[in-house]
Amino acid sequence: MQMALAGATVPQIAAIAGWKIGYAQSIIDTYMPRRRDSAAQAMNAWEAALGPSVIPLAPRRR
């Protein structure tokens, strides 16, 4: 879980662990805590990837 929390992708985690991608995803789905800060980081990454033309969905919480 530490790799996922650090931002590693499922294919990266699977490669490091020697797992199939589907298995790695099932482990993450089962054990990854649902956290507000993880959701906020995901939204920030998504908005950054789409560029400045995207209007944020909600004000950023700090």
N, C-alpha and C. Protein backbone atom coordinates (compact mmCIF):
# COMPACT_ATOMS: atom_id res chain seq x y z
N MET A 1 0.80 -1.18 0.00
CA MET A 1 0.00 0.00 0.00
C MET A 1 0.85 1.25 0.00
N GLN A 2 2.03 1.16 0.55
CA GLN A 2 2.88 2.35 0.62
C GLN A 2 3.24 2.86 -0.78
N MET A 3 3.44 1.94 -1.72
CA MET A 3 3.74 2.38 -3.09
C MET A 3 2.55 3.10 -3.69
N ALA A 4 1.36 2.59 -3.48
CA ALA A 4 0.15 3.23 -4.01
C ALA A 4 -0.05 4.60 -3.37
N LEU A 5 0.14 4.68 -2.07
CA LEU A 5 0.01 5.96 -1.38
C LEU A 5 1.05 6.96 -1.83
N ALA A 6 2.21 6.45 -2.26
CA ALA A 6 3.27 7.33 -2.75
C ALA A 6 3.04 7.78 -4.19
N GLY A 7 2.02 7.21 -4.84
CA GLY A 7 1.69 7.65 -6.20
C GLY A 7 2.07 6.68 -7.30
N ALA A 8 2.56 5.50 -6.94
CA ALA A 8 2.91 4.50 -7.97
C ALA A 8 1.63 4.00 -8.63
N THR A 9 1.71 3.75 -9.92
CA THR A 9 0.55 3.24 -10.66
C THR A 9 0.43 1.74 -10.44
N VAL A 10 -0.75 1.21 -10.79
CA VAL A 10 -0.98 -0.23 -10.64
C VAL A 10 0.03 -1.03 -11.48
N PRO A 11 0.26 -0.67 -12.76
CA PRO A 11 1.28 -1.42 -13.51
C PRO A 11 2.68 -1.35 -12.88
N GLN A 12 3.03 -0.22 -12.30
CA GLN A 12 4.34 -0.10 -11.64
C GLN A 12 4.40 -1.02 -10.42
N ILE A 13 3.35 -1.02 -9.62
CA ILE A 13 3.31 -1.88 -8.44
C ILE A 13 3.37 -3.35 -8.84
N ALA A 14 2.62 -3.72 -9.87
CA ALA A 14 2.62 -5.10 -10.35
C ALA A 14 4.01 -5.51 -10.82
N ALA A 15 4.70 -4.61 -11.52
CA ALA A 15 6.04 -4.93 -12.02
C ALA A 15 7.02 -5.15 -10.88
N ILE A 16 6.94 -4.30 -9.87
CA ILE A 16 7.86 -4.42 -8.73
C ILE A 16 7.58 -5.70 -7.94
N ALA A 17 6.30 -5.99 -7.73
CA ALA A 17 5.91 -7.13 -6.90
C ALA A 17 5.93 -8.46 -7.67
N GLY A 18 5.98 -8.40 -8.99
CA GLY A 18 5.94 -9.62 -9.78
C GLY A 18 4.53 -10.19 -9.90
N TRP A 19 3.53 -9.33 -9.76
CA TRP A 19 2.13 -9.74 -9.84
C TRP A 19 1.56 -9.41 -11.20
N LYS A 20 0.43 -10.03 -11.54
CA LYS A 20 -0.34 -9.62 -12.70
C LYS A 20 -1.05 -8.32 -12.33
N ILE A 21 -1.32 -7.49 -13.34
CA ILE A 21 -1.95 -6.20 -13.10
C ILE A 21 -3.31 -6.37 -12.42
N GLY A 22 -4.09 -7.31 -12.86
CA GLY A 22 -5.40 -7.53 -12.25
C GLY A 22 -5.31 -7.89 -10.78
N TYR A 23 -4.32 -8.69 -10.42
CA TYR A 23 -4.14 -9.06 -9.02
C TYR A 23 -3.72 -7.84 -8.20
N ALA A 24 -2.79 -7.07 -8.74
CA ALA A 24 -2.36 -5.86 -8.03
C ALA A 24 -3.54 -4.92 -7.82
N GLN A 25 -4.39 -4.77 -8.84
CA GLN A 25 -5.55 -3.90 -8.71
C GLN A 25 -6.51 -4.43 -7.64
N SER A 26 -6.70 -5.74 -7.59
CA SER A 26 -7.61 -6.30 -6.58
C SER A 26 -7.08 -6.08 -5.17
N ILE A 27 -5.78 -6.19 -4.99
CA ILE A 27 -5.17 -5.93 -3.68
C ILE A 27 -5.39 -4.47 -3.29
N ILE A 28 -5.14 -3.56 -4.22
CA ILE A 28 -5.33 -2.13 -3.94
C ILE A 28 -6.79 -1.84 -3.64
N ASP A 29 -7.70 -2.41 -4.43
CA ASP A 29 -9.13 -2.19 -4.19
C ASP A 29 -9.55 -2.67 -2.81
N THR A 30 -8.95 -3.75 -2.35
CA THR A 30 -9.32 -4.32 -1.06
C THR A 30 -8.71 -3.57 0.11
N TYR A 31 -7.45 -3.20 0.01
CA TYR A 31 -6.73 -2.70 1.17
C TYR A 31 -6.42 -1.21 1.16
N MET A 32 -6.61 -0.54 0.03
CA MET A 32 -6.30 0.89 -0.03
C MET A 32 -7.33 1.66 0.78
N PRO A 33 -6.87 2.42 1.75
CA PRO A 33 -7.84 3.19 2.54
C PRO A 33 -8.48 4.27 1.69
N ARG A 34 -9.75 4.50 1.91
CA ARG A 34 -10.44 5.58 1.21
C ARG A 34 -10.20 6.85 2.02
N ARG A 35 -9.36 7.71 1.48
CA ARG A 35 -8.96 8.87 2.24
C ARG A 35 -9.24 10.14 1.46
N ARG A 36 -9.66 11.16 2.16
CA ARG A 36 -9.94 12.44 1.53
C ARG A 36 -8.70 13.03 0.87
N ASP A 37 -7.54 12.92 1.52
CA ASP A 37 -6.34 13.51 0.93
C ASP A 37 -5.93 12.77 -0.34
N SER A 38 -6.16 11.46 -0.41
CA SER A 38 -5.88 10.72 -1.65
C SER A 38 -6.79 11.18 -2.77
N ALA A 39 -8.06 11.41 -2.46
CA ALA A 39 -9.00 11.89 -3.46
C ALA A 39 -8.61 13.28 -3.94
N ALA A 40 -8.22 14.14 -3.02
CA ALA A 40 -7.81 15.50 -3.40
C ALA A 40 -6.56 15.48 -4.28
N GLN A 41 -5.60 14.61 -3.96
CA GLN A 41 -4.40 14.49 -4.79
C GLN A 41 -4.74 14.00 -6.18
N ALA A 42 -5.67 13.07 -6.28
CA ALA A 42 -6.07 12.56 -7.59
C ALA A 42 -6.73 13.65 -8.42
N MET A 43 -7.60 14.43 -7.80
CA MET A 43 -8.25 15.53 -8.51
C MET A 43 -7.24 16.57 -8.96
N ASN A 44 -6.28 16.89 -8.11
CA ASN A 44 -5.24 17.86 -8.48
C ASN A 44 -4.42 17.35 -9.65
N ALA A 45 -4.07 16.07 -9.64
CA ALA A 45 -3.29 15.50 -10.74
C ALA A 45 -4.09 15.52 -12.03
N TRP A 46 -5.37 15.21 -11.95
CA TRP A 46 -6.23 15.20 -13.13
C TRP A 46 -6.36 16.60 -13.71
N GLU A 47 -6.62 17.57 -12.86
CA GLU A 47 -6.75 18.94 -13.32
C GLU A 47 -5.45 19.45 -13.92
N ALA A 48 -4.32 19.09 -13.33
CA ALA A 48 -3.02 19.52 -13.86
C ALA A 48 -2.75 18.89 -15.22
N ALA A 49 -3.16 17.65 -15.41
CA ALA A 49 -2.92 16.96 -16.67
C ALA A 49 -3.77 17.54 -17.80
N LEU A 50 -4.96 18.04 -17.46
CA LEU A 50 -5.85 18.58 -18.47
C LEU A 50 -5.50 20.00 -18.87
N GLY A 51 -4.71 20.68 -18.08
CA GLY A 51 -4.26 22.01 -18.44
C GLY A 51 -5.13 23.11 -17.84
N PRO A 52 -4.77 24.35 -18.17
CA PRO A 52 -5.42 25.50 -17.54
C PRO A 52 -6.85 25.76 -18.00
N SER A 53 -7.31 25.13 -19.05
CA SER A 53 -8.66 25.39 -19.54
C SER A 53 -9.74 24.70 -18.71
N VAL A 54 -9.35 23.88 -17.76
CA VAL A 54 -10.30 23.15 -16.93
C VAL A 54 -10.70 24.00 -15.73
N ILE A 55 -11.98 24.06 -15.46
CA ILE A 55 -12.47 24.77 -14.29
C ILE A 55 -12.55 23.77 -13.15
N PRO A 56 -11.88 24.04 -12.02
CA PRO A 56 -11.92 23.10 -10.89
C PRO A 56 -13.36 22.84 -10.45
N LEU A 57 -13.64 21.62 -10.03
CA LEU A 57 -14.98 21.23 -9.61
C LEU A 57 -15.34 21.81 -8.25
N ALA A 58 -14.37 21.97 -7.38
CA ALA A 58 -14.64 22.47 -6.04
C ALA A 58 -13.42 23.24 -5.57
N PRO A 59 -13.60 24.14 -4.62
CA PRO A 59 -12.44 24.86 -4.08
C PRO A 59 -11.48 23.87 -3.43
N ARG A 60 -10.22 24.17 -3.55
CA ARG A 60 -9.20 23.30 -2.96
C ARG A 60 -9.15 23.50 -1.46
N ARG A 61 -9.11 22.38 -0.74
CA ARG A 61 -9.00 22.43 0.71
C ARG A 61 -7.56 22.23 1.09
N ARG A 62 -7.14 22.93 2.06
CA ARG A 62 -5.75 22.79 2.53
C ARG A 62 -5.72 22.32 3.95
